[in-house]
Amino acid sequence: YFFYKNVCYVNLLFWYQFFCGFSGSTMIDYWQMIFFNLFFTSVP
């Protein structure tokens, strides 16, 4: 499950870099990343 969760999350960020020209900008704020890992994907 943890591999699946992290692959999904990293693929999202990887494909976003094609759209922003590999500038290193993040698609999601840091507080949203923390809440994603802390609340939404830690319960299962």
All heavy atoms as atom14 arrays in JSON, in Angstrom:
{
  "sequence": "YFFYKNVCYVNLLFWYQFFCGFSGSTMIDYWQMIFFNLFFTSVP",
  "atom14_mask": [
    [1, 1, 1, 1, 1, 1, 1, 1, 1, 1, 1, 1, 0, 0],
    [1, 1, 1, 1, 1, 1, 1, 1, 1, 1, 1, 0, 0, 0],
    [1, 1, 1, 1, 1, 1, 1, 1, 1, 1, 1, 0, 0, 0],
    [1, 1, 1, 1, 1, 1, 1, 1, 1, 1, 1, 1, 0, 0],
    [1, 1, 1, 1, 1, 1, 1, 1, 1, 0, 0, 0, 0, 0],
    [1, 1, 1, 1, 1, 1, 1, 1, 0, 0, 0, 0, 0, 0],
    [1, 1, 1, 1, 1, 1, 1, 0, 0, 0, 0, 0, 0, 0],
    [1, 1, 1, 1, 1, 1, 0, 0, 0, 0, 0, 0, 0, 0],
    [1, 1, 1, 1, 1, 1, 1, 1, 1, 1, 1, 1, 0, 0],
    [1, 1, 1, 1, 1, 1, 1, 0, 0, 0, 0, 0, 0, 0],
    [1, 1, 1, 1, 1, 1, 1, 1, 0, 0, 0, 0, 0, 0],
    [1, 1, 1, 1, 1, 1, 1, 1, 0, 0, 0, 0, 0, 0],
    [1, 1, 1, 1, 1, 1, 1, 1, 0, 0, 0, 0, 0, 0],
    [1, 1, 1, 1, 1, 1, 1, 1, 1, 1, 1, 0, 0, 0],
    [1, 1, 1, 1, 1, 1, 1, 1, 1, 1, 1, 1, 1, 1],
    [1, 1, 1, 1, 1, 1, 1, 1, 1, 1, 1, 1, 0, 0],
    [1, 1, 1, 1, 1, 1, 1, 1, 1, 0, 0, 0, 0, 0],
    [1, 1, 1, 1, 1, 1, 1, 1, 1, 1, 1, 0, 0, 0],
    [1, 1, 1, 1, 1, 1, 1, 1, 1, 1, 1, 0, 0, 0],
    [1, 1, 1, 1, 1, 1, 0, 0, 0, 0, 0, 0, 0, 0],
    [1, 1, 1, 1, 0, 0, 0, 0, 0, 0, 0, 0, 0, 0],
    [1, 1, 1, 1, 1, 1, 1, 1, 1, 1, 1, 0, 0, 0],
    [1, 1, 1, 1, 1, 1, 0, 0, 0, 0, 0, 0, 0, 0],
    [1, 1, 1, 1, 0, 0, 0, 0, 0, 0, 0, 0, 0, 0],
    [1, 1, 1, 1, 1, 1, 0, 0, 0, 0, 0, 0, 0, 0],
    [1, 1, 1, 1, 1, 1, 1, 0, 0, 0, 0, 0, 0, 0],
    [1, 1, 1, 1, 1, 1, 1, 1, 0, 0, 0, 0, 0, 0],
    [1, 1, 1, 1, 1, 1, 1, 1, 0, 0, 0, 0, 0, 0],
    [1, 1, 1, 1, 1, 1, 1, 1, 0, 0, 0, 0, 0, 0],
    [1, 1, 1, 1, 1, 1, 1, 1, 1, 1, 1, 1, 0, 0],
    [1, 1, 1, 1, 1, 1, 1, 1, 1, 1, 1, 1, 1, 1],
    [1, 1, 1, 1, 1, 1, 1, 1, 1, 0, 0, 0, 0, 0],
    [1, 1, 1, 1, 1, 1, 1, 1, 0, 0, 0, 0, 0, 0],
    [1, 1, 1, 1, 1, 1, 1, 1, 0, 0, 0, 0, 0, 0],
    [1, 1, 1, 1, 1, 1, 1, 1, 1, 1, 1, 0, 0, 0],
    [1, 1, 1, 1, 1, 1, 1, 1, 1, 1, 1, 0, 0, 0],
    [1, 1, 1, 1, 1, 1, 1, 1, 0, 0, 0, 0, 0, 0],
    [1, 1, 1, 1, 1, 1, 1, 1, 0, 0, 0, 0, 0, 0],
    [1, 1, 1, 1, 1, 1, 1, 1, 1, 1, 1, 0, 0, 0],
    [1, 1, 1, 1, 1, 1, 1, 1, 1, 1, 1, 0, 0, 0],
    [1, 1, 1, 1, 1, 1, 1, 0, 0, 0, 0, 0, 0, 0],
    [1, 1, 1, 1, 1, 1, 0, 0, 0, 0, 0, 0, 0, 0],
    [1, 1, 1, 1, 1, 1, 1, 0, 0, 0, 0, 0, 0, 0],
    [1, 1, 1, 1, 1, 1, 1, 0, 0, 0, 0, 0, 0, 0]
  ],
  "atom14_positions": [
    [[0.82, -1.2, 0.0], [0.0, 0.0, 0.0], [0.86, 1.26, 0.0], [0.59, 2.21, -0.73], [-0.95, 0.02, 1.2], [-1.8, 1.26, 1.22], [-2.94, 1.34, 0.42], [-1.47, 2.35, 2.0], [-3.71, 2.48, 0.41], [-2.24, 3.49, 1.99], [-3.36, 3.55, 1.2], [-4.11, 4.69, 1.18], [0.0, 0.0, 0.0], [0.0, 0.0, 0.0]],
    [[1.92, 1.28, 0.81], [2.78, 2.46, 0.85], [3.49, 2.67, -0.48], [3.65, 3.81, -0.93], [3.78, 2.37, 2.0], [3.22, 2.8, 3.31], [3.1, 1.9, 4.34], [2.78, 4.1, 3.51], [2.57, 2.28, 5.56], [2.25, 4.5, 4.72], [2.15, 3.6, 5.75], [0.0, 0.0, 0.0], [0.0, 0.0, 0.0], [0.0, 0.0, 0.0]],
    [[3.93, 1.61, -1.14], [4.53, 1.76, -2.46], [3.51, 2.32, -3.45], [3.82, 3.22, -4.23], [5.07, 0.42, -2.98], [6.45, 0.1, -2.51], [6.71, -1.08, -1.86], [7.49, 0.99, -2.71], [7.98, -1.38, -1.43], [8.77, 0.71, -2.28], [9.01, -0.49, -1.63], [0.0, 0.0, 0.0], [0.0, 0.0, 0.0], [0.0, 0.0, 0.0]],
    [[2.31, 1.8, -3.43], [1.25, 2.28, -4.33], [0.96, 3.75, -4.08], [0.88, 4.55, -5.02], [-0.01, 1.44, -4.13], [-1.22, 1.97, -4.84], [-1.34, 1.85, -6.22], [-2.24, 2.62, -4.15], [-2.43, 2.35, -6.88], [-3.34, 3.12, -4.8], [-3.44, 2.98, -6.18], [-4.52, 3.48, -6.83], [0.0, 0.0, 0.0], [0.0, 0.0, 0.0]],
    [[0.83, 4.14, -2.84], [0.53, 5.53, -2.48], [1.65, 6.47, -2.95], [1.39, 7.51, -3.57], [0.36, 5.63, -0.97], [0.17, 7.05, -0.47], [0.15, 7.08, 1.03], [1.53, 6.88, 1.58], [2.1, 8.0, 2.26], [0.0, 0.0, 0.0], [0.0, 0.0, 0.0], [0.0, 0.0, 0.0], [0.0, 0.0, 0.0], [0.0, 0.0, 0.0]],
    [[2.88, 6.08, -2.72], [4.0, 6.95, -3.09], [4.21, 6.99, -4.6], [4.58, 8.03, -5.14], [5.27, 6.5, -2.38], [5.22, 6.81, -0.91], [4.66, 7.83, -0.5], [5.78, 5.95, -0.1], [0.0, 0.0, 0.0], [0.0, 0.0, 0.0], [0.0, 0.0, 0.0], [0.0, 0.0, 0.0], [0.0, 0.0, 0.0], [0.0, 0.0, 0.0]],
    [[3.97, 5.89, -5.3], [4.08, 5.89, -6.76], [3.03, 6.82, -7.36], [3.33, 7.6, -8.28], [3.97, 4.46, -7.32], [3.69, 4.45, -8.8], [5.24, 3.69, -7.03], [0.0, 0.0, 0.0], [0.0, 0.0, 0.0], [0.0, 0.0, 0.0], [0.0, 0.0, 0.0], [0.0, 0.0, 0.0], [0.0, 0.0, 0.0], [0.0, 0.0, 0.0]],
    [[1.82, 6.76, -6.85], [0.77, 7.65, -7.35], [1.14, 9.11, -7.11], [0.98, 9.96, -8.0], [-0.56, 7.34, -6.67], [-1.27, 5.78, -7.17], [0.0, 0.0, 0.0], [0.0, 0.0, 0.0], [0.0, 0.0, 0.0], [0.0, 0.0, 0.0], [0.0, 0.0, 0.0], [0.0, 0.0, 0.0], [0.0, 0.0, 0.0], [0.0, 0.0, 0.0]],
    [[1.63, 9.41, -5.95], [1.96, 10.79, -5.6], [3.15, 11.3, -6.41], [3.13, 12.42, -6.93], [2.24, 10.88, -4.1], [2.39, 12.28, -3.61], [1.3, 13.14, -3.57], [3.63, 12.75, -3.2], [1.44, 14.44, -3.13], [3.77, 14.04, -2.77], [2.68, 14.88, -2.73], [2.82, 16.17, -2.3], [0.0, 0.0, 0.0], [0.0, 0.0, 0.0]],
    [[4.18, 10.5, -6.55], [5.37, 10.93, -7.3], [5.06, 11.04, -8.79], [5.55, 11.96, -9.46], [6.54, 9.96, -7.03], [7.69, 10.2, -7.98], [7.01, 10.11, -5.6], [0.0, 0.0, 0.0], [0.0, 0.0, 0.0], [0.0, 0.0, 0.0], [0.0, 0.0, 0.0], [0.0, 0.0, 0.0], [0.0, 0.0, 0.0], [0.0, 0.0, 0.0]],
    [[4.24, 10.15, -9.34], [3.85, 10.27, -10.75], [3.1, 11.56, -11.01], [3.28, 12.18, -12.06], [2.99, 9.07, -11.17], [3.84, 7.92, -11.61], [4.97, 8.09, -12.06], [3.3, 6.72, -11.47], [0.0, 0.0, 0.0], [0.0, 0.0, 0.0], [0.0, 0.0, 0.0], [0.0, 0.0, 0.0], [0.0, 0.0, 0.0], [0.0, 0.0, 0.0]],
    [[2.26, 11.96, -10.08], [1.55, 13.23, -10.22], [2.53, 14.39, -10.32], [2.42, 15.24, -11.22], [0.6, 13.43, -9.03], [-0.16, 14.74, -8.98], [-1.22, 14.76, -10.08], [-0.79, 14.92, -7.63], [0.0, 0.0, 0.0], [0.0, 0.0, 0.0], [0.0, 0.0, 0.0], [0.0, 0.0, 0.0], [0.0, 0.0, 0.0], [0.0, 0.0, 0.0]],
    [[3.51, 14.43, -9.45], [4.5, 15.52, -9.47], [5.42, 15.41, -10.69], [5.82, 16.43, -11.27], [5.33, 15.5, -8.19], [4.57, 15.79, -6.9], [5.51, 15.67, -5.71], [3.93, 17.15, -6.94], [0.0, 0.0, 0.0], [0.0, 0.0, 0.0], [0.0, 0.0, 0.0], [0.0, 0.0, 0.0], [0.0, 0.0, 0.0], [0.0, 0.0, 0.0]],
    [[5.76, 14.19, -11.1], [6.64, 14.0, -12.25], [6.0, 14.53, -13.54], [6.62, 15.26, -14.3], [6.99, 12.52, -12.39], [7.8, 12.2, -13.6], [9.14, 12.54, -13.66], [7.22, 11.57, -14.7], [9.89, 12.24, -14.78], [7.96, 11.28, -15.82], [9.3, 11.61, -15.86], [0.0, 0.0, 0.0], [0.0, 0.0, 0.0], [0.0, 0.0, 0.0]],
    [[4.75, 14.14, -13.78], [4.1, 14.58, -15.02], [3.77, 16.07, -14.98], [3.7, 16.71, -16.03], [2.83, 13.76, -15.28], [3.18, 12.35, -15.64], [2.97, 11.24, -14.91], [3.84, 11.92, -16.84], [3.45, 10.13, -15.56], [4.0, 10.53, -16.76], [4.34, 12.58, -17.97], [4.6, 9.77, -17.75], [4.94, 11.82, -18.96], [5.07, 10.44, -18.84]],
    [[3.61, 16.64, -13.82], [3.39, 18.09, -13.72], [4.63, 18.86, -14.16], [4.52, 19.95, -14.72], [3.01, 18.47, -12.29], [2.85, 19.95, -12.1], [1.75, 20.62, -12.64], [3.79, 20.7, -11.39], [1.6, 21.98, -12.49], [3.64, 22.05, -11.24], [2.54, 22.69, -11.78], [2.39, 24.04, -11.63], [0.0, 0.0, 0.0], [0.0, 0.0, 0.0]],
    [[5.82, 18.29, -13.96], [7.05, 18.98, -14.35], [7.14, 19.16, -15.87], [7.78, 20.1, -16.34], [8.27, 18.24, -13.81], [8.4, 18.28, -12.32], [8.43, 19.68, -11.77], [9.15, 20.55, -12.28], [7.65, 19.93, -10.73], [0.0, 0.0, 0.0], [0.0, 0.0, 0.0], [0.0, 0.0, 0.0], [0.0, 0.0, 0.0], [0.0, 0.0, 0.0]],
    [[6.5, 18.3, -16.65], [6.49, 18.5, -18.1], [5.69, 19.74, -18.46], [6.02, 20.45, -19.42], [5.87, 17.28, -18.8], [6.82, 16.11, -18.91], [6.63, 14.99, -18.12], [7.9, 16.14, -19.78], [7.49, 13.92, -18.21], [8.76, 15.07, -19.87], [8.57, 13.95, -19.08], [0.0, 0.0, 0.0], [0.0, 0.0, 0.0], [0.0, 0.0, 0.0]],
    [[4.64, 20.02, -17.73], [3.79, 21.17, -18.03], [4.38, 22.48, -17.55], [4.07, 23.54, -18.1], [2.39, 20.98, -17.43], [1.62, 19.87, -18.06], [1.42, 18.68, -17.39], [1.14, 19.99, -19.36], [0.73, 17.64, -17.98], [0.45, 18.95, -19.96], [0.24, 17.78, -19.27], [0.0, 0.0, 0.0], [0.0, 0.0, 0.0], [0.0, 0.0, 0.0]],
    [[5.24, 22.44, -16.54], [5.83, 23.7, -16.05], [7.27, 23.86, -16.52], [7.98, 24.74, -16.03], [5.72, 23.79, -14.53], [6.73, 22.62, -13.66], [0.0, 0.0, 0.0], [0.0, 0.0, 0.0], [0.0, 0.0, 0.0], [0.0, 0.0, 0.0], [0.0, 0.0, 0.0], [0.0, 0.0, 0.0], [0.0, 0.0, 0.0], [0.0, 0.0, 0.0]],
    [[7.71, 23.04, -17.46], [9.04, 23.19, -18.05], [10.18, 22.83, -17.11], [11.25, 23.41, -17.22], [0.0, 0.0, 0.0], [0.0, 0.0, 0.0], [0.0, 0.0, 0.0], [0.0, 0.0, 0.0], [0.0, 0.0, 0.0], [0.0, 0.0, 0.0], [0.0, 0.0, 0.0], [0.0, 0.0, 0.0], [0.0, 0.0, 0.0], [0.0, 0.0, 0.0]],
    [[9.97, 21.9, -16.22], [10.99, 21.45, -15.26], [11.6, 22.6, -14.48], [12.79, 22.67, -14.23], [12.1, 20.66, -15.97], [11.62, 19.36, -16.54], [11.26, 19.26, -17.88], [11.49, 18.25, -15.74], [10.81, 18.07, -18.4], [11.04, 17.05, -16.26], [10.69, 16.95, -17.58], [0.0, 0.0, 0.0], [0.0, 0.0, 0.0], [0.0, 0.0, 0.0]],
    [[10.74, 23.54, -14.09], [11.21, 24.7, -13.33], [11.38, 24.39, -11.85], [11.98, 25.17, -11.13], [10.22, 25.86, -13.49], [8.99, 25.53, -12.9], [0.0, 0.0, 0.0], [0.0, 0.0, 0.0], [0.0, 0.0, 0.0], [0.0, 0.0, 0.0], [0.0, 0.0, 0.0], [0.0, 0.0, 0.0], [0.0, 0.0, 0.0], [0.0, 0.0, 0.0]],
    [[10.85, 23.28, -11.41], [10.96, 22.93, -9.99], [9.83, 23.48, -9.15], [9.84, 23.32, -7.93], [0.0, 0.0, 0.0], [0.0, 0.0, 0.0], [0.0, 0.0, 0.0], [0.0, 0.0, 0.0], [0.0, 0.0, 0.0], [0.0, 0.0, 0.0], [0.0, 0.0, 0.0], [0.0, 0.0, 0.0], [0.0, 0.0, 0.0], [0.0, 0.0, 0.0]],
    [[8.87, 24.12, -9.78], [7.74, 24.64, -9.01], [6.85, 23.48, -8.58], [6.76, 22.46, -9.26], [6.94, 25.64, -9.84], [6.38, 25.0, -10.96], [0.0, 0.0, 0.0], [0.0, 0.0, 0.0], [0.0, 0.0, 0.0], [0.0, 0.0, 0.0], [0.0, 0.0, 0.0], [0.0, 0.0, 0.0], [0.0, 0.0, 0.0], [0.0, 0.0, 0.0]],
    [[6.22, 23.65, -7.45], [5.38, 22.59, -6.93], [3.93, 22.84, -7.29], [3.46, 23.98, -7.32], [5.51, 22.48, -5.4], [5.12, 23.71, -4.82], [6.92, 22.13, -5.0], [0.0, 0.0, 0.0], [0.0, 0.0, 0.0], [0.0, 0.0, 0.0], [0.0, 0.0, 0.0], [0.0, 0.0, 0.0], [0.0, 0.0, 0.0], [0.0, 0.0, 0.0]],
    [[3.25, 21.77, -7.55], [1.84, 21.86, -7.91], [0.98, 21.98, -6.66], [-0.09, 22.56, -6.68], [1.46, 20.59, -8.69], [0.06, 20.58, -9.2], [-0.21, 19.16, -10.24], [-0.87, 18.04, -9.07], [0.0, 0.0, 0.0], [0.0, 0.0, 0.0], [0.0, 0.0, 0.0], [0.0, 0.0, 0.0], [0.0, 0.0, 0.0], [0.0, 0.0, 0.0]],
    [[1.47, 21.45, -5.56], [0.71, 21.4, -4.32], [1.5, 22.11, -3.24], [2.72, 21.96, -3.15], [0.46, 19.93, -3.93], [-0.28, 19.19, -5.05], [-0.33, 19.82, -2.65], [-0.36, 17.71, -4.87], [0.0, 0.0, 0.0], [0.0, 0.0, 0.0], [0.0, 0.0, 0.0], [0.0, 0.0, 0.0], [0.0, 0.0, 0.0], [0.0, 0.0, 0.0]],
    [[0.8, 22.88, -2.41], [1.47, 23.55, -1.29], [1.97, 22.51, -0.29], [1.47, 21.39, -0.21], [0.5, 24.49, -0.57], [0.14, 25.69, -1.45], [0.98, 26.06, -2.28], [-0.97, 26.22, -1.28], [0.0, 0.0, 0.0], [0.0, 0.0, 0.0], [0.0, 0.0, 0.0], [0.0, 0.0, 0.0], [0.0, 0.0, 0.0], [0.0, 0.0, 0.0]],
    [[2.96, 22.94, 0.5], [3.55, 22.0, 1.45], [2.57, 21.57, 2.52], [2.57, 20.43, 2.95], [4.8, 22.62, 2.1], [5.97, 22.65, 1.16], [6.45, 23.84, 0.66], [6.6, 21.47, 0.77], [7.52, 23.87, -0.21], [7.66, 21.48, -0.11], [8.12, 22.68, -0.59], [9.16, 22.7, -1.46], [0.0, 0.0, 0.0], [0.0, 0.0, 0.0]],
    [[1.71, 22.46, 2.96], [0.75, 22.07, 4.0], [-0.26, 21.06, 3.45], [-0.74, 20.2, 4.17], [0.06, 23.29, 4.6], [-0.8, 24.06, 3.65], [-0.42, 25.08, 2.83], [-2.18, 23.85, 3.4], [-1.48, 25.52, 2.1], [-2.58, 24.79, 2.43], [-3.13, 22.97, 3.91], [-3.87, 24.85, 1.95], [-4.43, 23.05, 3.43], [-4.78, 23.98, 2.46]],
    [[-0.55, 21.14, 2.14], [-1.45, 20.15, 1.55], [-0.75, 18.79, 1.43], [-1.39, 17.74, 1.6], [-1.92, 20.61, 0.18], [-2.91, 21.75, 0.25], [-3.28, 22.28, -1.13], [-2.48, 22.15, -2.06], [-4.46, 22.85, -1.23], [0.0, 0.0, 0.0], [0.0, 0.0, 0.0], [0.0, 0.0, 0.0], [0.0, 0.0, 0.0], [0.0, 0.0, 0.0]],
    [[0.55, 18.79, 1.14], [1.29, 17.53, 1.11], [1.32, 16.87, 2.48], [1.17, 15.66, 2.6], [2.73, 17.77, 0.62], [2.85, 17.99, -0.86], [4.55, 17.9, -1.45], [5.26, 19.36, -0.73], [0.0, 0.0, 0.0], [0.0, 0.0, 0.0], [0.0, 0.0, 0.0], [0.0, 0.0, 0.0], [0.0, 0.0, 0.0], [0.0, 0.0, 0.0]],
    [[1.51, 17.68, 3.5], [1.54, 17.13, 4.87], [0.19, 16.54, 5.23], [0.1, 15.43, 5.75], [1.97, 18.23, 5.86], [3.44, 18.58, 5.64], [1.74, 17.76, 7.3], [3.89, 19.79, 6.41], [0.0, 0.0, 0.0], [0.0, 0.0, 0.0], [0.0, 0.0, 0.0], [0.0, 0.0, 0.0], [0.0, 0.0, 0.0], [0.0, 0.0, 0.0]],
    [[-0.89, 17.27, 4.93], [-2.22, 16.76, 5.25], [-2.57, 15.54, 4.4], [-3.26, 14.64, 4.87], [-3.28, 17.85, 5.07], [-3.32, 18.82, 6.21], [-3.17, 20.17, 6.0], [-3.51, 18.37, 7.51], [-3.2, 21.06, 7.04], [-3.55, 19.25, 8.56], [-3.39, 20.61, 8.34], [0.0, 0.0, 0.0], [0.0, 0.0, 0.0], [0.0, 0.0, 0.0]],
    [[-2.1, 15.51, 3.15], [-2.35, 14.34, 2.3], [-1.76, 13.09, 2.93], [-2.42, 12.06, 3.05], [-1.76, 14.58, 0.91], [-1.85, 13.4, -0.01], [-3.05, 13.05, -0.61], [-0.74, 12.62, -0.27], [-3.14, 11.96, -1.45], [-0.82, 11.53, -1.12], [-2.03, 11.21, -1.7], [0.0, 0.0, 0.0], [0.0, 0.0, 0.0], [0.0, 0.0, 0.0]],
    [[-0.49, 13.17, 3.35], [0.16, 12.02, 3.95], [-0.35, 11.73, 5.36], [-0.41, 10.59, 5.78], [1.68, 12.21, 4.0], [2.33, 11.88, 2.68], [1.92, 10.95, 2.01], [3.33, 12.64, 2.31], [0.0, 0.0, 0.0], [0.0, 0.0, 0.0], [0.0, 0.0, 0.0], [0.0, 0.0, 0.0], [0.0, 0.0, 0.0], [0.0, 0.0, 0.0]],
    [[-0.7, 12.78, 6.09], [-1.06, 12.59, 7.48], [-2.48, 12.08, 7.66], [-2.73, 11.16, 8.42], [-0.88, 13.92, 8.23], [-0.8, 13.85, 9.74], [0.43, 13.08, 10.15], [-0.76, 15.25, 10.3], [0.0, 0.0, 0.0], [0.0, 0.0, 0.0], [0.0, 0.0, 0.0], [0.0, 0.0, 0.0], [0.0, 0.0, 0.0], [0.0, 0.0, 0.0]],
    [[-3.42, 12.65, 6.94], [-4.82, 12.32, 7.19], [-5.44, 11.42, 6.12], [-6.11, 10.44, 6.44], [-5.65, 13.6, 7.29], [-5.29, 14.44, 8.47], [-4.76, 15.7, 8.3], [-5.47, 13.96, 9.76], [-4.43, 16.47, 9.4], [-5.14, 14.73, 10.86], [-4.61, 15.99, 10.67], [0.0, 0.0, 0.0], [0.0, 0.0, 0.0], [0.0, 0.0, 0.0]],
    [[-5.22, 11.72, 4.86], [-5.96, 11.03, 3.81], [-5.4, 9.66, 3.47], [-6.14, 8.78, 3.06], [-6.02, 11.9, 2.56], [-6.68, 13.22, 2.79], [-6.03, 14.39, 2.52], [-7.97, 13.28, 3.31], [-6.65, 15.6, 2.75], [-8.59, 14.48, 3.54], [-7.93, 15.65, 3.26], [0.0, 0.0, 0.0], [0.0, 0.0, 0.0], [0.0, 0.0, 0.0]],
    [[-4.11, 9.47, 3.6], [-3.54, 8.17, 3.21], [-2.96, 7.38, 4.37], [-2.36, 6.34, 4.15], [-2.45, 8.37, 2.14], [-1.41, 9.17, 2.7], [-3.02, 9.01, 0.9], [0.0, 0.0, 0.0], [0.0, 0.0, 0.0], [0.0, 0.0, 0.0], [0.0, 0.0, 0.0], [0.0, 0.0, 0.0], [0.0, 0.0, 0.0], [0.0, 0.0, 0.0]],
    [[-3.09, 7.85, 5.58], [-2.55, 7.09, 6.71], [-3.6, 6.2, 7.36], [-3.25, 5.24, 8.05], [-1.95, 8.03, 7.75], [-2.95, 8.87, 8.28], [0.0, 0.0, 0.0], [0.0, 0.0, 0.0], [0.0, 0.0, 0.0], [0.0, 0.0, 0.0], [0.0, 0.0, 0.0], [0.0, 0.0, 0.0], [0.0, 0.0, 0.0], [0.0, 0.0, 0.0]],
    [[-4.86, 6.47, 7.16], [-5.91, 5.68, 7.8], [-6.0, 4.25, 7.24], [-6.06, 3.3, 8.02], [-7.27, 6.41, 7.72], [-8.39, 5.55, 8.23], [-7.2, 7.71, 8.48], [0.0, 0.0, 0.0], [0.0, 0.0, 0.0], [0.0, 0.0, 0.0], [0.0, 0.0, 0.0], [0.0, 0.0, 0.0], [0.0, 0.0, 0.0], [0.0, 0.0, 0.0]],
    [[-6.02, 4.04, 5.91], [-6.11, 2.65, 5.42], [-4.99, 1.73, 5.88], [-5.28, 0.61, 6.33], [-6.12, 2.81, 3.9], [-6.65, 4.17, 3.66], [-6.15, 4.99, 4.81], [0.0, 0.0, 0.0], [0.0, 0.0, 0.0], [0.0, 0.0, 0.0], [0.0, 0.0, 0.0], [0.0, 0.0, 0.0], [0.0, 0.0, 0.0], [0.0, 0.0, 0.0]]
  ]
}
